[in-house]
Amino acid sequence: MADWARRELDAQLAEACFGLSLTSAAQIAGCGAEAAVCTLEGAALTLRLDEGGVRVVRGASSVSVLAAPDAEACGMVYDSVNSLLLNVSKKFVQAFNSSLAAALQVVAQQREAEGAREEVGGETA
């Protein structure tokens, strides 16, 4: 049964949703799973996850939205949805970088606050 692929594709799409304008629930398709997504550029793609990895199986006819110089990137197999999108969507790359920068800023602020608490605690002891 390919239920593992459906669950895994849904999980990967949930992690990448910040950089997509639309995602559908994954459906079992043969020995894998497929889901429709729409990139921030407006390209409608059907992604397939199976034991070989993730690939675009339909869509991306508008190569101008792709980060790659030609449509060959759409036939390639990637290890994850994030990897695929980082290679085919310029706007996903921008959203990913913004998301990463925001997460790192939160961590830096937390560490700064912890350091300030330790300094205050050390003075009163």
C-alpha atoms as a PDB file:
ATOM      1  CA  MET A   1       0.000   0.000   0.000  1.00  0.00           C
ATOM      2  CA  ALA A   2       1.220   3.530  -0.740  1.00  0.00           C
ATOM      3  CA  ASP A   3      -0.390   5.129   2.292  1.00  0.00           C
ATOM      4  CA  TRP A   4       3.096   5.954   3.633  1.00  0.00           C
ATOM      5  CA  ALA A   5       3.682   8.108   0.530  1.00  0.00           C
ATOM      6  CA  ARG A   6       0.384   9.959   0.991  1.00  0.00           C
ATOM      7  CA  ARG A   7       1.173  10.708   4.638  1.00  0.00           C
ATOM      8  CA  GLU A   8       4.757  11.750   3.850  1.00  0.00           C
ATOM      9  CA  LEU A   9       3.756  13.990   0.948  1.00  0.00           C
ATOM     10  CA  ASP A  10       1.097  15.680   3.097  1.00  0.00           C
ATOM     11  CA  ALA A  11       3.678  16.245   5.857  1.00  0.00           C
ATOM     12  CA  GLN A  12       6.223  17.709   3.444  1.00  0.00           C
ATOM     13  CA  LEU A  13       3.606  19.984   1.863  1.00  0.00           C
ATOM     14  CA  ALA A  14       2.595  21.218   5.328  1.00  0.00           C
ATOM     15  CA  GLU A  15       6.230  22.191   5.965  1.00  0.00           C
ATOM     16  CA  ALA A  16       6.455  24.023   2.627  1.00  0.00           C
ATOM     17  CA  CYS A  17       3.052  25.738   2.646  1.00  0.00           C
ATOM     18  CA  PHE A  18       4.574  29.142   3.536  1.00  0.00           C
ATOM     19  CA  GLY A  19       6.066  29.227   0.034  1.00  0.00           C
ATOM     20  CA  LEU A  20       3.066  27.993  -1.939  1.00  0.00           C
ATOM     21  CA  SER A  21      -0.180  29.740  -2.761  1.00  0.00           C
ATOM     22  CA  LEU A  22      -2.224  26.512  -2.835  1.00  0.00           C
ATOM     23  CA  THR A  23      -1.824  22.829  -1.963  1.00  0.00           C
ATOM     24  CA  SER A  24      -4.211  19.915  -2.263  1.00  0.00           C
ATOM     25  CA  ALA A  25      -4.329  16.863  -0.045  1.00  0.00           C
ATOM     26  CA  ALA A  26      -2.135  14.056  -1.343  1.00  0.00           C
ATOM     27  CA  GLN A  27      -3.864  11.125  -3.029  1.00  0.00           C
ATOM     28  CA  ILE A  28      -2.506   7.615  -3.473  1.00  0.00           C
ATOM     29  CA  ALA A  29      -1.378   7.074  -7.069  1.00  0.00           C
ATOM     30  CA  GLY A  30       0.062   3.670  -7.879  1.00  0.00           C
ATOM     31  CA  CYS A  31       3.054   2.988  -5.621  1.00  0.00           C
ATOM     32  CA  GLY A  32       3.282   6.614  -4.532  1.00  0.00           C
ATOM     33  CA  ALA A  33       1.202   9.707  -3.948  1.00  0.00           C
ATOM     34  CA  GLU A  34       0.409  12.865  -5.883  1.00  0.00           C
ATOM     35  CA  ALA A  35      -0.745  16.341  -4.912  1.00  0.00           C
ATOM     36  CA  ALA A  36      -1.485  19.543  -6.774  1.00  0.00           C
ATOM     37  CA  VAL A  37       0.301  22.728  -5.747  1.00  0.00           C
ATOM     38  CA  CYS A  38       0.422  26.264  -7.030  1.00  0.00           C
ATOM     39  CA  THR A  39       3.667  28.179  -6.705  1.00  0.00           C
ATOM     40  CA  LEU A  40       3.801  31.809  -5.643  1.00  0.00           C
ATOM     41  CA  GLU A  41       4.485  32.595  -9.317  1.00  0.00           C
ATOM     42  CA  GLY A  42       1.128  31.016 -10.203  1.00  0.00           C
ATOM     43  CA  ALA A  43       2.472  27.833 -11.824  1.00  0.00           C
ATOM     44  CA  ALA A  44       0.170  24.854 -11.237  1.00  0.00           C
ATOM     45  CA  LEU A  45       2.189  21.685 -10.636  1.00  0.00           C
ATOM     46  CA  THR A  46       1.373  18.095  -9.776  1.00  0.00           C
ATOM     47  CA  LEU A  47       4.031  16.608  -7.502  1.00  0.00           C
ATOM     48  CA  ARG A  48       4.613  12.880  -7.117  1.00  0.00           C
ATOM     49  CA  LEU A  49       6.356  11.204  -4.192  1.00  0.00           C
ATOM     50  CA  ASP A  50       7.403   7.573  -4.432  1.00  0.00           C
ATOM     51  CA  GLU A  51      10.350   5.448  -3.290  1.00  0.00           C
ATOM     52  CA  GLY A  52      12.573   7.282  -5.784  1.00  0.00           C
ATOM     53  CA  GLY A  53      11.846  10.743  -4.394  1.00  0.00           C
ATOM     54  CA  VAL A  54       9.772  13.779  -5.410  1.00  0.00           C
ATOM     55  CA  ARG A  55       9.258  15.028  -8.969  1.00  0.00           C
ATOM     56  CA  VAL A  56       6.961  17.246 -11.001  1.00  0.00           C
ATOM     57  CA  VAL A  57       4.734  15.041 -13.142  1.00  0.00           C
ATOM     58  CA  ARG A  58       2.455  17.705 -14.632  1.00  0.00           C
ATOM     59  CA  GLY A  59       2.607  21.444 -15.052  1.00  0.00           C
ATOM     60  CA  ALA A  60       5.328  24.065 -15.209  1.00  0.00           C
ATOM     61  CA  SER A  61       4.611  24.876 -18.826  1.00  0.00           C
ATOM     62  CA  SER A  62       5.601  28.465 -18.088  1.00  0.00           C
ATOM     63  CA  VAL A  63       9.360  28.016 -17.779  1.00  0.00           C
ATOM     64  CA  SER A  64       9.829  31.756 -17.162  1.00  0.00           C
ATOM     65  CA  VAL A  65       8.742  31.320 -13.526  1.00  0.00           C
ATOM     66  CA  LEU A  66      11.335  28.652 -12.888  1.00  0.00           C
ATOM     67  CA  ALA A  67      14.690  29.306 -11.287  1.00  0.00           C
ATOM     68  CA  ALA A  68      16.261  26.728 -13.610  1.00  0.00           C
ATOM     69  CA  PRO A  69      17.257  27.836 -17.121  1.00  0.00           C
ATOM     70  CA  ASP A  70      15.088  25.189 -18.751  1.00  0.00           C
ATOM     71  CA  ALA A  71      12.361  22.681 -17.975  1.00  0.00           C
ATOM     72  CA  GLU A  72      14.851  19.868 -17.311  1.00  0.00           C
ATOM     73  CA  ALA A  73      14.634  20.649 -13.577  1.00  0.00           C
ATOM     74  CA  CYS A  74      11.017  19.534 -13.673  1.00  0.00           C
ATOM     75  CA  GLY A  75      11.974  16.030 -14.772  1.00  0.00           C
ATOM     76  CA  MET A  76      14.559  15.634 -12.045  1.00  0.00           C
ATOM     77  CA  VAL A  77      13.973  13.671  -8.869  1.00  0.00           C
ATOM     78  CA  TYR A  78      14.559  15.451  -5.548  1.00  0.00           C
ATOM     79  CA  ASP A  79      14.893  14.153  -1.999  1.00  0.00           C
ATOM     80  CA  SER A  80      12.081  16.374  -0.671  1.00  0.00           C
ATOM     81  CA  VAL A  81       9.376  18.845  -1.645  1.00  0.00           C
ATOM     82  CA  ASN A  82      11.517  21.652  -0.196  1.00  0.00           C
ATOM     83  CA  SER A  83      14.476  20.676  -2.405  1.00  0.00           C
ATOM     84  CA  LEU A  84      12.290  20.520  -5.485  1.00  0.00           C
ATOM     85  CA  LEU A  85      10.701  23.911  -4.805  1.00  0.00           C
ATOM     86  CA  LEU A  86      14.058  25.525  -4.061  1.00  0.00           C
ATOM     87  CA  ASN A  87      15.106  24.451  -7.564  1.00  0.00           C
ATOM     88  CA  VAL A  88      11.991  25.406  -9.523  1.00  0.00           C
ATOM     89  CA  SER A  89      10.469  28.459  -7.817  1.00  0.00           C
ATOM     90  CA  LYS A  90      12.302  31.756  -7.370  1.00  0.00           C
ATOM     91  CA  LYS A  91       9.563  33.037  -5.076  1.00  0.00           C
ATOM     92  CA  PHE A  92       9.757  29.884  -2.936  1.00  0.00           C
ATOM     93  CA  VAL A  93      13.469  30.595  -2.465  1.00  0.00           C
ATOM     94  CA  GLN A  94      12.621  34.145  -1.336  1.00  0.00           C
ATOM     95  CA  ALA A  95       9.911  32.899   1.048  1.00  0.00           C
ATOM     96  CA  PHE A  96      12.227  30.186   2.391  1.00  0.00           C
ATOM     97  CA  ASN A  97      15.001  32.700   3.040  1.00  0.00           C
ATOM     98  CA  SER A  98      12.591  35.094   4.774  1.00  0.00           C
ATOM     99  CA  SER A  99      11.185  32.271   6.895  1.00  0.00           C
ATOM    100  CA  LEU A 100      14.667  31.100   7.853  1.00  0.00           C
ATOM    101  CA  ALA A 101      15.797  34.641   8.734  1.00  0.00           C
ATOM    102  CA  ALA A 102      12.711  35.157  10.910  1.00  0.00           C
ATOM    103  CA  ALA A 103      13.278  31.856  12.738  1.00  0.00           C
ATOM    104  CA  LEU A 104      16.945  32.701  13.340  1.00  0.00           C
ATOM    105  CA  GLN A 105      15.968  36.126  14.676  1.00  0.00           C
ATOM    106  CA  VAL A 106      13.606  34.495  17.185  1.00  0.00           C
ATOM    107  CA  VAL A 107      16.379  32.166  18.377  1.00  0.00           C
ATOM    108  CA  ALA A 108      18.824  35.082  18.706  1.00  0.00           C
ATOM    109  CA  GLN A 109      16.284  37.073  20.734  1.00  0.00           C
ATOM    110  CA  GLN A 110      15.609  34.076  23.000  1.00  0.00           C
ATOM    111  CA  ARG A 111      19.320  33.587  23.641  1.00  0.00           C
ATOM    112  CA  GLU A 112      19.759  37.288  24.343  1.00  0.00           C
ATOM    113  CA  ALA A 113      16.876  37.202  26.835  1.00  0.00           C
ATOM    114  CA  GLU A 114      18.308  34.084  28.522  1.00  0.00           C
ATOM    115  CA  GLY A 115      21.698  35.786  28.808  1.00  0.00           C
ATOM    116  CA  ALA A 116      20.125  38.870  30.377  1.00  0.00           C
ATOM    117  CA  ARG A 117      18.260  36.701  32.922  1.00  0.00           C
ATOM    118  CA  GLU A 118      21.473  34.861  33.818  1.00  0.00           C
ATOM    119  CA  GLU A 119      23.310  38.182  34.360  1.00  0.00           C
ATOM    120  CA  VAL A 120      20.526  39.471  36.614  1.00  0.00           C
ATOM    121  CA  GLY A 121      20.358  36.160  38.480  1.00  0.00           C
ATOM    122  CA  GLY A 122      24.142  36.092  38.957  1.00  0.00           C
ATOM    123  CA  GLU A 123      24.181  39.562  40.524  1.00  0.00           C
ATOM    124  CA  THR A 124      21.521  38.777  43.124  1.00  0.00           C
ATOM    125  CA  ALA A 125      23.001  35.486  44.252  1.00  0.00           C
END
